[in-house]
Amino acid sequence: MKICDLTQFYSPLSGGVKRYVHEKIAYIRDHSPEDEHVLIVPGPKTELKTDSQSRVYSIHSPLVSRSSRYRALLNLRAVGEILEHERPDLIESSDPYQIGWKAIATGRALKVPVVGFYHSHFSEAYLRRGARFLGKRATQRAMTLTRAYVRKVYNRFQLTLVPSEALAGVLSEWGVRNIRAVRLGVNTDIFKPVPDDTAATRHSLGVGCGQTVLLYVGRLAREKNTQTLFRAFELLSRRNGNQFHLVVIGDGPQRKRLQKLQSRDCGNNISWISYCTNSADLARYYRAAGLFVHPGIQETFGLVALESQVCGTPIVGIRGSYMDRIICHDQGSWARENSAEALAEAIEGSSAKKLSSLGNSAAQTAQDLYSWPRVFEELFCIYRELRSKYRRF
């Protein structure tokens, strides 16, 4: 079977979606020799990179974000020509915009099934954020239109994949049919709770003796709720002095908020790395942390939270996101509301527990449930089931 993935959410600095498609390529290479993979993404120039079972097509596309390096894939003719040339057995779109519509149209022309993966709950991430500017009535109207759009586009896919049962329920209530909840995964060959020279890692970050390292990995953006994390850390520093050291790995529109925080009294207890390109290095940072802090309230899955747990580092965050179901340890200390005060108290409460025991227990459960080979075995069964049914119509 030849599978083709299409996505705009792909850049040198992107995270979850890029990791998902590249792990799929690795799974085919290592575990599924009868399959092939094609990936179509935007890039700074048009080029083709080939491997034994995979081909990655980059299409020249304009830059839309300097911080994230995302590009808008507007050359739909090129997308269509590649699909016509490759003639995949199944197309998967990780994009609800023009790329998704192009995938649907081309799949119909080629008579192959098209799957949509609802990676990002974009209606919540962007419209809820703008509520204070639009007002209640305008926000409700915009949400109604957005739900209608989601229903319209995703009901044209033969199947819509979502990364959580809870999110599947939400989309079902919106009128989206043919939904299947699937798990995402983690590379357990790299992310694992192995003995490590955490002292050297802590020293490289400027962490003092006896300090508890709080780690955040992800975009510095309003939709990631990083402003709440920064305010919470300021509260922690006022109340606890030098007890905590915050390590932030990521970049984005709220970089200036972080830099402003670094310029204050608590700045000596903050380390910032704009991007970590090496997974082994990222695993070391996870293992050097006492707690991973995830302030997100709109996450559909939360790959970084999963990676942290597999490395033996427990999570603290705000209750109520779709990410809650992948937390493999007790969440009793988590914040019950989205506020800096509640998150600061949650961090204090969690850090008072025996973090090593909590992390080791979570690591074993996460490894058992979320290794990429196990995840893709289940996903490829879904692909083959869909393909076999599609042939009968």
Protein backbone atom coordinates (compact mmCIF):
# COMPACT_ATOMS: atom_id res chain seq x y z
CA MET A 1 0.00 0.00 0.00
CA LYS A 2 1.25 3.47 -0.88
CA ILE A 3 0.22 6.15 1.64
CA CYS A 4 0.49 9.88 0.96
CA ASP A 5 0.48 12.50 3.74
CA LEU A 6 -0.26 16.16 2.99
CA THR A 7 0.27 18.93 5.52
CA GLN A 8 1.05 22.62 5.85
CA PHE A 9 1.95 22.25 9.53
CA TYR A 10 5.56 21.45 8.74
CA SER A 11 8.71 23.48 9.20
CA PRO A 12 12.27 23.08 10.54
CA LEU A 13 10.93 24.20 13.93
CA SER A 14 7.55 22.44 14.01
CA GLY A 15 6.66 19.71 16.45
CA GLY A 16 3.80 17.22 16.68
CA VAL A 17 2.57 16.84 13.10
CA LYS A 18 6.09 16.75 11.66
CA ARG A 19 7.11 14.16 14.23
CA TYR A 20 4.03 12.07 13.43
CA VAL A 21 4.72 11.87 9.67
CA HIS A 22 8.43 11.20 10.11
CA GLU A 23 7.77 8.44 12.63
CA LYS A 24 5.35 6.95 10.10
CA ILE A 25 8.13 6.98 7.49
CA ALA A 26 10.47 5.26 9.99
CA TYR A 27 7.83 2.65 10.83
CA ILE A 28 7.41 1.74 7.16
CA ARG A 29 11.17 1.52 6.72
CA ASP A 30 11.72 -0.68 9.78
CA HIS A 31 8.51 -2.69 10.14
CA SER A 32 6.45 -2.62 6.96
CA PRO A 33 8.55 -3.45 3.88
CA GLU A 34 5.50 -3.98 1.67
CA ASP A 35 4.37 -0.35 2.05
CA GLU A 36 5.52 2.98 0.59
CA HIS A 37 5.17 6.54 1.82
CA VAL A 38 4.88 9.90 0.07
CA LEU A 39 4.95 13.22 1.93
CA ILE A 40 3.99 16.58 0.40
CA VAL A 41 4.89 19.71 2.40
CA PRO A 42 5.67 23.41 1.87
CA GLY A 43 9.31 24.47 1.78
CA PRO A 44 11.72 27.27 0.84
CA LYS A 45 12.28 25.63 -2.54
CA THR A 46 10.80 22.89 -4.70
CA GLU A 47 12.74 19.65 -4.31
CA LEU A 48 12.40 15.90 -3.94
CA LYS A 49 14.18 13.73 -1.37
CA THR A 50 13.98 9.99 -1.87
CA ASP A 51 14.68 6.92 0.22
CA SER A 52 14.09 3.23 -0.38
CA GLN A 53 10.40 3.35 0.58
CA SER A 54 9.67 7.06 0.92
CA ARG A 55 9.65 10.28 -1.06
CA VAL A 56 9.37 13.76 0.44
CA TYR A 57 8.19 16.47 -1.95
CA SER A 58 8.79 20.07 -0.85
CA ILE A 59 6.89 22.73 -2.81
CA HIS A 60 8.16 26.31 -2.84
CA SER A 61 5.80 28.27 -0.58
CA PRO A 62 5.74 31.76 0.98
CA LEU A 63 6.72 32.20 4.63
CA VAL A 64 3.81 33.15 6.93
CA SER A 65 5.57 33.07 10.32
CA ARG A 66 9.19 34.00 11.00
CA SER A 67 9.18 32.51 14.51
CA SER A 68 7.69 29.11 13.63
CA ARG A 69 8.96 29.10 10.00
CA TYR A 70 5.57 27.89 8.77
CA ARG A 71 4.75 28.36 5.08
CA ALA A 72 1.46 28.51 3.17
CA LEU A 73 1.26 25.80 0.52
CA LEU A 74 -0.62 27.67 -2.21
CA ASN A 75 0.58 25.87 -5.34
CA LEU A 76 -2.29 23.40 -5.53
CA ARG A 77 -1.51 22.56 -9.14
CA ALA A 78 1.86 21.15 -8.04
CA VAL A 79 0.11 19.15 -5.31
CA GLY A 80 -2.29 17.70 -7.87
CA GLU A 81 0.52 16.83 -10.30
CA ILE A 82 2.43 14.95 -7.60
CA LEU A 83 -0.67 13.00 -6.57
CA GLU A 84 -1.44 12.18 -10.20
CA HIS A 85 2.13 10.97 -10.68
CA GLU A 86 2.37 8.95 -7.45
CA ARG A 87 -1.23 7.59 -7.53
CA PRO A 88 -1.29 6.57 -3.84
CA ASP A 89 -3.69 3.96 -2.46
CA LEU A 90 -4.70 6.28 0.39
CA ILE A 91 -4.31 10.00 1.04
CA GLU A 92 -4.17 11.54 4.53
CA SER A 93 -4.53 15.28 5.06
CA SER A 94 -3.47 16.96 8.30
CA ASP A 95 -4.86 20.27 7.05
CA PRO A 96 -8.45 21.59 7.23
CA TYR A 97 -7.85 24.39 4.74
CA GLN A 98 -7.01 24.48 1.02
CA ILE A 99 -4.78 21.40 1.20
CA GLY A 100 -7.61 19.38 2.72
CA TRP A 101 -10.00 20.41 -0.05
CA LYS A 102 -7.39 19.58 -2.70
CA ALA A 103 -6.86 16.14 -1.16
CA ILE A 104 -10.61 15.47 -1.21
CA ALA A 105 -10.98 16.51 -4.85
CA THR A 106 -7.93 14.56 -6.03
CA GLY A 107 -8.91 11.47 -4.06
CA ARG A 108 -12.30 11.50 -5.75
CA ALA A 109 -10.65 11.81 -9.17
CA LEU A 110 -8.18 8.99 -8.44
CA LYS A 111 -10.89 6.88 -6.78
CA VAL A 112 -8.88 6.41 -3.58
CA PRO A 113 -9.99 7.02 0.03
CA VAL A 114 -8.97 10.28 1.71
CA VAL A 115 -8.48 10.46 5.49
CA GLY A 116 -8.52 13.67 7.49
CA PHE A 117 -6.50 13.86 10.71
CA TYR A 118 -7.90 16.47 13.10
CA HIS A 119 -4.59 17.24 14.84
CA SER A 120 -5.45 20.74 16.04
CA HIS A 121 -8.72 21.91 17.60
CA PHE A 122 -8.28 25.21 15.76
CA SER A 123 -11.76 26.56 16.54
CA GLU A 124 -11.02 26.52 20.26
CA ALA A 125 -7.43 27.68 19.90
CA TYR A 126 -8.17 30.79 17.86
CA LEU A 127 -11.79 31.81 18.37
CA ARG A 128 -11.84 31.43 22.15
CA ARG A 129 -8.66 33.48 22.22
CA GLY A 130 -10.36 36.32 20.37
CA ALA A 131 -13.48 36.32 22.52
CA ARG A 132 -12.47 39.36 24.57
CA PHE A 133 -12.03 41.40 21.37
CA LEU A 134 -15.07 40.14 19.47
CA GLY A 135 -17.55 40.12 22.32
CA LYS A 136 -19.81 37.27 23.39
CA ARG A 137 -22.36 37.50 20.58
CA ALA A 138 -19.79 37.80 17.78
CA THR A 139 -17.76 34.93 19.26
CA GLN A 140 -20.83 32.69 19.40
CA ARG A 141 -21.64 33.55 15.79
CA ALA A 142 -18.06 32.82 14.73
CA MET A 143 -18.14 29.50 16.61
CA THR A 144 -21.36 28.54 14.84
CA LEU A 145 -19.78 29.28 11.46
CA THR A 146 -16.61 27.41 12.41
CA ARG A 147 -18.53 24.33 13.50
CA ALA A 148 -20.44 24.41 10.21
CA TYR A 149 -17.14 24.62 8.32
CA VAL A 150 -15.60 21.74 10.30
CA ARG A 151 -18.71 19.65 9.64
CA LYS A 152 -18.65 20.53 5.93
CA VAL A 153 -14.99 19.70 5.28
CA TYR A 154 -14.55 16.65 7.51
CA ASN A 155 -17.73 14.94 6.33
CA ARG A 156 -16.15 14.85 2.87
CA PHE A 157 -13.33 12.64 4.12
CA GLN A 158 -13.95 8.90 4.11
CA LEU A 159 -12.64 8.87 7.70
CA THR A 160 -11.70 11.50 10.27
CA LEU A 161 -8.98 10.52 12.74
CA VAL A 162 -8.80 12.30 16.11
CA PRO A 163 -6.23 11.83 18.88
CA SER A 164 -8.71 11.43 21.76
CA GLU A 165 -12.11 9.92 22.53
CA ALA A 166 -13.22 13.17 24.16
CA LEU A 167 -12.47 15.17 21.01
CA ALA A 168 -14.25 12.52 18.94
CA GLY A 169 -17.32 13.18 21.09
CA VAL A 170 -17.11 16.92 20.49
CA LEU A 171 -16.86 16.56 16.72
CA SER A 172 -19.68 14.02 16.73
CA GLU A 173 -21.88 16.56 18.54
CA TRP A 174 -20.97 19.05 15.81
CA GLY A 175 -22.28 16.62 13.19
CA VAL A 176 -19.02 15.09 11.92
CA ARG A 177 -19.52 11.46 10.86
CA ASN A 178 -17.08 8.56 10.37
CA ILE A 179 -14.81 9.49 13.28
CA ARG A 180 -12.15 7.16 14.66
CA ALA A 181 -10.10 7.95 17.75
CA VAL A 182 -6.46 6.86 17.48
CA ARG A 183 -3.45 7.22 19.72
CA LEU A 184 -0.27 9.05 18.88
CA GLY A 185 3.01 7.73 20.17
CA VAL A 186 6.57 8.25 21.30
CA ASN A 187 9.96 6.93 20.20
CA THR A 188 10.83 4.73 23.16
CA ASP A 189 14.30 4.01 21.75
CA ILE A 190 15.24 7.64 22.45
CA PHE A 191 12.81 8.80 25.12
CA LYS A 192 13.31 6.47 28.06
CA PRO A 193 14.23 6.66 31.76
CA VAL A 194 17.86 5.60 31.45
CA PRO A 195 20.62 6.56 33.89
CA ASP A 196 21.92 9.89 32.71
CA ASP A 197 24.43 12.55 33.65
CA THR A 198 21.73 14.91 34.84
CA ALA A 199 24.25 16.85 36.90
CA ALA A 200 26.09 17.91 33.72
CA THR A 201 22.82 18.88 32.02
CA ARG A 202 21.70 20.90 35.04
CA HIS A 203 25.08 22.62 35.18
CA SER A 204 24.89 23.53 31.49
CA LEU A 205 21.53 25.19 32.18
CA GLY A 206 22.80 27.16 35.16
CA VAL A 207 20.63 25.25 37.66
CA GLY A 208 21.68 25.64 41.27
CA CYS A 209 22.21 22.83 43.74
CA GLY A 210 18.92 21.67 45.25
CA GLN A 211 16.71 23.56 42.82
CA THR A 212 13.71 21.84 41.25
CA VAL A 213 13.81 22.14 37.46
CA LEU A 214 10.50 23.02 35.81
CA LEU A 215 10.55 22.29 32.08
CA TYR A 216 8.32 23.58 29.28
CA VAL A 217 8.72 22.46 25.65
CA GLY A 218 6.61 24.01 22.91
CA ARG A 219 5.63 27.19 21.10
CA LEU A 220 5.58 30.43 23.05
CA ALA A 221 2.10 31.46 21.98
CA ARG A 222 -1.24 32.46 23.43
CA GLU A 223 -2.92 29.29 22.18
CA LYS A 224 -0.35 27.33 24.24
CA ASN A 225 -1.24 29.44 27.31
CA THR A 226 2.42 30.23 28.00
CA GLN A 227 1.49 33.63 29.42
CA THR A 228 -0.10 31.78 32.37
CA LEU A 229 3.07 29.75 32.85
CA PHE A 230 5.23 32.89 32.93
CA ARG A 231 2.97 34.62 35.46
CA ALA A 232 2.86 31.45 37.58
CA PHE A 233 6.66 31.26 37.67
CA GLU A 234 6.85 34.89 38.76
CA LEU A 235 4.51 34.05 41.66
CA LEU A 236 6.59 31.01 42.57
CA SER A 237 9.77 33.09 42.65
CA ARG A 238 8.21 35.66 44.96
CA ARG A 239 6.94 33.01 47.36
CA ASN A 240 9.74 30.46 47.25
CA GLY A 241 12.86 32.39 46.33
CA ASN A 242 15.30 30.16 44.44
CA GLN A 243 13.50 26.85 44.95
CA PHE A 244 12.54 26.53 41.27
CA HIS A 245 14.43 26.95 38.00
CA LEU A 246 12.38 27.27 34.80
CA VAL A 247 13.77 25.82 31.54
CA VAL A 248 11.89 26.85 28.39
CA ILE A 249 12.55 25.15 25.05
CA GLY A 250 10.71 26.80 22.19
CA ASP A 251 10.05 30.06 20.40
CA GLY A 252 7.08 32.06 19.22
CA PRO A 253 5.12 35.32 19.49
CA GLN A 254 5.42 35.42 23.30
CA ARG A 255 9.21 35.36 23.28
CA LYS A 256 9.25 38.99 24.46
CA ARG A 257 7.15 38.07 27.50
CA LEU A 258 9.76 35.49 28.44
CA GLN A 259 12.63 37.89 27.84
CA LYS A 260 10.88 40.49 29.99
CA LEU A 261 10.55 37.91 32.76
CA GLN A 262 14.26 37.10 32.41
CA SER A 263 15.09 40.78 32.98
CA ARG A 264 13.40 40.75 36.39
CA ASP A 265 14.67 39.48 39.75
CA CYS A 266 13.75 35.87 38.92
CA GLY A 267 15.71 35.99 35.63
CA ASN A 268 18.71 34.11 37.02
CA ASN A 269 16.41 31.13 37.50
CA ILE A 270 15.24 30.99 33.87
CA SER A 271 17.01 29.23 30.99
CA TRP A 272 15.76 29.59 27.41
CA ILE A 273 16.62 27.41 24.41
CA SER A 274 14.89 28.60 21.26
CA TYR A 275 14.74 25.16 19.64
CA CYS A 276 16.15 21.69 20.26
CA THR A 277 16.67 19.86 16.98
CA ASN A 278 18.20 16.71 18.43
CA SER A 279 15.80 14.22 20.03
CA ALA A 280 18.55 12.70 22.20
CA ASP A 281 19.35 16.15 23.61
CA LEU A 282 15.66 16.79 24.23
CA ALA A 283 15.42 13.49 26.12
CA ARG A 284 18.31 14.62 28.34
CA TYR A 285 16.45 17.81 29.21
CA TYR A 286 13.34 15.82 30.09
CA ARG A 287 15.35 13.55 32.39
CA ALA A 288 17.09 16.51 34.07
CA ALA A 289 13.75 18.08 35.03
CA GLY A 290 11.88 17.42 38.21
CA LEU A 291 8.53 18.42 36.72
CA PHE A 292 7.29 19.08 33.20
CA VAL A 293 4.83 21.99 33.29
CA HIS A 294 2.15 21.91 30.60
CA PRO A 295 -0.08 25.02 30.81
CA GLY A 296 -2.11 24.17 27.68
CA ILE A 297 -5.89 24.06 27.95
CA GLN A 298 -6.68 23.31 24.29
CA GLU A 299 -4.37 20.38 23.56
CA THR A 300 -5.79 17.57 21.42
CA PHE A 301 -3.11 15.10 22.54
CA GLY A 302 0.16 16.47 23.94
CA LEU A 303 3.17 14.61 22.52
CA VAL A 304 5.64 16.50 24.71
CA ALA A 305 3.75 15.40 27.82
CA LEU A 306 4.00 11.81 26.66
CA GLU A 307 7.72 12.11 25.89
CA SER A 308 8.35 13.58 29.32
CA GLN A 309 6.56 10.73 31.09
CA VAL A 310 8.39 8.07 29.10
CA CYS A 311 11.63 9.71 30.29
CA GLY A 312 10.43 9.37 33.88
CA THR A 313 9.50 13.01 34.48
CA PRO A 314 5.96 13.60 35.80
CA ILE A 315 3.62 16.31 34.50
CA VAL A 316 1.74 19.13 36.15
CA GLY A 317 -0.81 21.24 34.33
CA ILE A 318 -4.39 22.52 34.19
CA ARG A 319 -7.24 20.02 34.29
CA GLY A 320 -9.79 19.78 31.51
CA SER A 321 -7.90 19.52 28.20
CA TYR A 322 -8.05 16.52 25.85
CA MET A 323 -4.48 15.78 26.96
CA ASP A 324 -5.67 14.57 30.40
CA ARG A 325 -6.26 11.01 29.21
CA ILE A 326 -2.58 10.39 28.37
CA ILE A 327 -1.35 11.35 31.84
CA CYS A 328 -0.22 8.07 33.38
CA HIS A 329 -0.03 9.20 37.00
CA ASP A 330 -2.28 10.84 39.58
CA GLN A 331 -3.48 14.36 38.69
CA GLY A 332 -4.81 15.24 42.11
CA SER A 333 -2.44 18.22 42.47
CA TRP A 334 -3.24 19.71 39.05
CA ALA A 335 -4.78 23.17 38.74
CA ARG A 336 -8.58 23.23 38.60
CA GLU A 337 -8.78 26.55 36.78
CA ASN A 338 -6.81 28.46 34.20
CA SER A 339 -5.05 31.04 36.33
CA ALA A 340 -1.46 31.79 37.28
CA GLU A 341 -2.29 31.41 40.98
CA ALA A 342 -3.85 27.96 40.50
CA LEU A 343 -0.97 26.76 38.32
CA ALA A 344 1.61 28.01 40.83
CA GLU A 345 -0.18 26.15 43.64
CA ALA A 346 -0.34 23.02 41.48
CA ILE A 347 3.41 23.18 40.90
CA GLU A 348 4.05 23.61 44.62
CA GLY A 349 1.72 20.72 45.47
CA SER A 350 3.21 18.39 42.87
CA SER A 351 6.82 19.19 43.79
CA ALA A 352 6.10 18.18 47.39
CA LYS A 353 5.52 14.59 46.23
CA LYS A 354 8.18 11.95 45.61
CA LEU A 355 8.76 12.84 41.96
CA SER A 356 11.06 9.93 41.10
CA SER A 357 8.50 7.31 42.15
CA LEU A 358 5.72 9.16 40.34
CA GLY A 359 7.83 9.44 37.19
CA ASN A 360 9.01 5.82 37.14
CA SER A 361 5.45 4.51 37.43
CA ALA A 362 4.27 6.80 34.62
CA ALA A 363 7.22 5.81 32.40
CA GLN A 364 6.35 2.12 32.45
CA THR A 365 2.68 2.69 31.63
CA ALA A 366 3.46 5.18 28.87
CA GLN A 367 6.04 2.85 27.29
CA ASP A 368 3.57 -0.04 27.26
CA LEU A 369 0.76 1.95 25.65
CA TYR A 370 2.35 4.52 23.37
CA SER A 371 5.37 3.15 21.52
CA TRP A 372 5.18 4.18 17.85
CA PRO A 373 5.29 0.61 16.44
CA ARG A 374 2.27 -0.36 18.52
CA VAL A 375 0.43 2.83 17.52
CA PHE A 376 1.15 2.38 13.81
CA GLU A 377 0.20 -1.30 13.81
CA GLU A 378 -3.29 -0.22 14.85
CA LEU A 379 -3.37 2.73 12.45
CA PHE A 380 -2.29 0.65 9.44
CA CYS A 381 -5.03 -1.86 10.22
CA ILE A 382 -7.47 1.05 9.95
CA TYR A 383 -5.92 2.09 6.63
CA ARG A 384 -6.25 -1.40 5.18
CA GLU A 385 -9.80 -1.78 6.45
CA LEU A 386 -10.78 1.54 4.87
CA ARG A 387 -9.03 0.69 1.61
CA SER A 388 -10.71 -2.72 1.33
CA LYS A 389 -14.16 -1.27 2.03
CA TYR A 390 -13.61 1.58 -0.39
CA ARG A 391 -12.91 -0.85 -3.23
CA ARG A 392 -16.33 -2.42 -2.80
CA PHE A 393 -18.19 0.82 -3.66
